[in-house]
Structures are given as C-alpha cells and as structure tokens.
Amino acid sequence: MTKSELIDKLVEVRGVLTRKDSEAVVSMVFDAMSEALTNGDKVEIRGFGSFTIRDREPREARNPKSGEIVSIPSKKTPFFKTGKDLRERVNNL
C-alpha cells in the first residue's frame, strides 16, 4: 500500500474527511514518526509494531565490480519489529 492509497482508503472509510484533510492527517502522522526517530525516540503502535534506530558498526565490504575492498563507516538505520497481533494476522492468512 502506498501513501496515496492509504489516503484514499481513509477518505473512503471515513467519509467525513476530504482528500486534502486526509493528506494532512497522514503527513502529520508520518512527520511526527520521522521526527521522533530523528530524536532517537522509539515509535510504538500497539498491535502493529515498533520502530527504533539501530547503530550499525563500521565494516569492510567488496566492490562487486572491481573486487576492491571498501570501508563502510558506521551509521544509524531505522528498524521495524512487528507486533504480536500483526504477526499472527499475517501468519494466519
């Protein structure tokens, strides 16, 4: 599902909101989640899952084209862990 499909679904299910209002709501939610993760906070949505930031250690890898060893610096990456309810719903399809 894409962001625009999510907005369309919100308009369809909740006929009270216009498409413009739905876009604003979805954007606000995603912006708030992004800001929290940027600040190092955890985002948890009960029954769905949680988003955290993980530190990745520096490492060495190979350039597949040249075979040359390349140094990859440490970095932070977002990580998603599914909630129990979502995991059970997906596995019971």
C-alpha atoms as a PDB file:
ATOM      1  CA  MET A   1       0.000   0.000   0.000  1.00  0.00           C
ATOM      2  CA  THR A   2       1.356   3.403  -0.948  1.00  0.00           C
ATOM      3  CA  LYS A   3       0.839   6.680   0.874  1.00  0.00           C
ATOM      4  CA  SER A   4      -1.741   7.824  -1.698  1.00  0.00           C
ATOM      5  CA  GLU A   5      -3.620   4.504  -1.392  1.00  0.00           C
ATOM      6  CA  LEU A   6      -3.684   4.991   2.389  1.00  0.00           C
ATOM      7  CA  ILE A   7      -5.122   8.487   1.912  1.00  0.00           C
ATOM      8  CA  ASP A   8      -7.767   7.143  -0.499  1.00  0.00           C
ATOM      9  CA  LYS A   9      -8.713   4.412   1.985  1.00  0.00           C
ATOM     10  CA  LEU A  10      -9.050   6.996   4.770  1.00  0.00           C
ATOM     11  CA  VAL A  11     -11.367   9.117   2.606  1.00  0.00           C
ATOM     12  CA  GLU A  12     -13.400   6.037   1.630  1.00  0.00           C
ATOM     13  CA  VAL A  13     -13.814   4.628   5.150  1.00  0.00           C
ATOM     14  CA  ARG A  14     -14.290   7.934   6.930  1.00  0.00           C
ATOM     15  CA  GLY A  15     -16.465   9.977   4.565  1.00  0.00           C
ATOM     16  CA  VAL A  16     -16.215  12.944   6.944  1.00  0.00           C
ATOM     17  CA  LEU A  17     -12.705  13.851   5.791  1.00  0.00           C
ATOM     18  CA  THR A  18     -11.892  15.350   2.421  1.00  0.00           C
ATOM     19  CA  ARG A  19      -8.892  14.126   0.432  1.00  0.00           C
ATOM     20  CA  LYS A  20      -6.975  17.277   1.389  1.00  0.00           C
ATOM     21  CA  ASP A  21      -7.715  16.759   5.099  1.00  0.00           C
ATOM     22  CA  SER A  22      -6.747  13.091   4.841  1.00  0.00           C
ATOM     23  CA  GLU A  23      -3.439  14.025   3.175  1.00  0.00           C
ATOM     24  CA  ALA A  24      -2.743  16.445   6.028  1.00  0.00           C
ATOM     25  CA  VAL A  25      -3.506  13.803   8.675  1.00  0.00           C
ATOM     26  CA  VAL A  26      -1.329  11.129   7.065  1.00  0.00           C
ATOM     27  CA  SER A  27       1.526  13.596   6.521  1.00  0.00           C
ATOM     28  CA  MET A  28       1.327  14.782  10.143  1.00  0.00           C
ATOM     29  CA  VAL A  29       1.497  11.207  11.440  1.00  0.00           C
ATOM     30  CA  PHE A  30       4.480  10.301   9.246  1.00  0.00           C
ATOM     31  CA  ASP A  31       6.246  13.587  10.065  1.00  0.00           C
ATOM     32  CA  ALA A  32       5.754  13.015  13.799  1.00  0.00           C
ATOM     33  CA  MET A  33       7.113   9.471  13.497  1.00  0.00           C
ATOM     34  CA  SER A  34      10.120  10.667  11.474  1.00  0.00           C
ATOM     35  CA  GLU A  35      10.853  13.445  13.949  1.00  0.00           C
ATOM     36  CA  ALA A  36      10.674  11.056  16.915  1.00  0.00           C
ATOM     37  CA  LEU A  37      13.092   8.629  15.252  1.00  0.00           C
ATOM     38  CA  THR A  38      15.412  11.508  14.323  1.00  0.00           C
ATOM     39  CA  ASN A  39      15.481  12.488  18.013  1.00  0.00           C
ATOM     40  CA  GLY A  40      16.378   8.911  18.971  1.00  0.00           C
ATOM     41  CA  ASP A  41      12.960   8.071  20.399  1.00  0.00           C
ATOM     42  CA  LYS A  42      11.075   4.819  19.868  1.00  0.00           C
ATOM     43  CA  VAL A  43       7.749   4.819  17.997  1.00  0.00           C
ATOM     44  CA  GLU A  44       5.352   2.112  19.142  1.00  0.00           C
ATOM     45  CA  ILE A  45       1.940   1.399  17.637  1.00  0.00           C
ATOM     46  CA  ARG A  46       0.165  -1.235  19.745  1.00  0.00           C
ATOM     47  CA  GLY A  47      -0.856  -4.293  17.769  1.00  0.00           C
ATOM     48  CA  PHE A  48       1.139  -3.158  14.730  1.00  0.00           C
ATOM     49  CA  GLY A  49       4.779  -2.860  15.730  1.00  0.00           C
ATOM     50  CA  SER A  50       7.562  -0.572  16.841  1.00  0.00           C
ATOM     51  CA  PHE A  51      10.203   1.484  15.091  1.00  0.00           C
ATOM     52  CA  THR A  52      13.628   2.064  16.635  1.00  0.00           C
ATOM     53  CA  ILE A  53      17.029   3.269  15.497  1.00  0.00           C
ATOM     54  CA  ARG A  54      19.902   0.776  15.440  1.00  0.00           C
ATOM     55  CA  ASP A  55      23.585   1.570  15.233  1.00  0.00           C
ATOM     56  CA  ARG A  56      25.495  -0.328  12.565  1.00  0.00           C
ATOM     57  CA  GLU A  57      29.175  -0.915  13.164  1.00  0.00           C
ATOM     58  CA  PRO A  58      31.767   0.098  10.568  1.00  0.00           C
ATOM     59  CA  ARG A  59      32.773  -2.769   8.310  1.00  0.00           C
ATOM     60  CA  GLU A  60      34.679  -3.707   5.225  1.00  0.00           C
ATOM     61  CA  ALA A  61      33.000  -4.956   2.066  1.00  0.00           C
ATOM     62  CA  ARG A  62      33.929  -5.721  -1.515  1.00  0.00           C
ATOM     63  CA  ASN A  63      33.012  -3.711  -4.553  1.00  0.00           C
ATOM     64  CA  PRO A  64      31.374  -6.404  -6.733  1.00  0.00           C
ATOM     65  CA  LYS A  65      32.530  -4.748  -9.952  1.00  0.00           C
ATOM     66  CA  SER A  66      36.221  -4.325  -9.157  1.00  0.00           C
ATOM     67  CA  GLY A  67      36.683  -6.711  -6.221  1.00  0.00           C
ATOM     68  CA  GLU A  68      38.334  -3.864  -4.306  1.00  0.00           C
ATOM     69  CA  ILE A  69      37.852  -3.786  -0.510  1.00  0.00           C
ATOM     70  CA  VAL A  70      35.824  -0.761   0.558  1.00  0.00           C
ATOM     71  CA  SER A  71      35.465   0.633   4.073  1.00  0.00           C
ATOM     72  CA  ILE A  72      31.866   1.334   5.115  1.00  0.00           C
ATOM     73  CA  PRO A  73      31.530   3.800   8.023  1.00  0.00           C
ATOM     74  CA  SER A  74      29.208   3.293  10.994  1.00  0.00           C
ATOM     75  CA  LYS A  75      25.658   4.549  10.566  1.00  0.00           C
ATOM     76  CA  LYS A  76      22.226   4.588  12.131  1.00  0.00           C
ATOM     77  CA  THR A  77      19.347   2.776  10.451  1.00  0.00           C
ATOM     78  CA  PRO A  78      15.642   2.531  11.235  1.00  0.00           C
ATOM     79  CA  PHE A  79      14.456  -0.897  12.365  1.00  0.00           C
ATOM     80  CA  PHE A  80      10.872  -2.213  12.476  1.00  0.00           C
ATOM     81  CA  LYS A  81       9.740  -5.035  14.736  1.00  0.00           C
ATOM     82  CA  THR A  82       6.242  -6.397  14.132  1.00  0.00           C
ATOM     83  CA  GLY A  83       3.758  -6.558  16.961  1.00  0.00           C
ATOM     84  CA  LYS A  84       2.272  -9.849  18.087  1.00  0.00           C
ATOM     85  CA  ASP A  85      -1.214  -9.121  16.655  1.00  0.00           C
ATOM     86  CA  LEU A  86       0.121  -8.206  13.207  1.00  0.00           C
ATOM     87  CA  ARG A  87       2.463 -11.195  13.131  1.00  0.00           C
ATOM     88  CA  GLU A  88      -0.431 -13.552  13.993  1.00  0.00           C
ATOM     89  CA  ARG A  89      -2.742 -11.991  11.387  1.00  0.00           C
ATOM     90  CA  VAL A  90      -0.115 -12.334   8.655  1.00  0.00           C
ATOM     91  CA  ASN A  91       0.697 -15.934   9.577  1.00  0.00           C
ATOM     92  CA  ASN A  92      -2.981 -16.968   9.619  1.00  0.00           C
ATOM     93  CA  LEU A  93      -3.690 -15.954   6.009  1.00  0.00           C
END
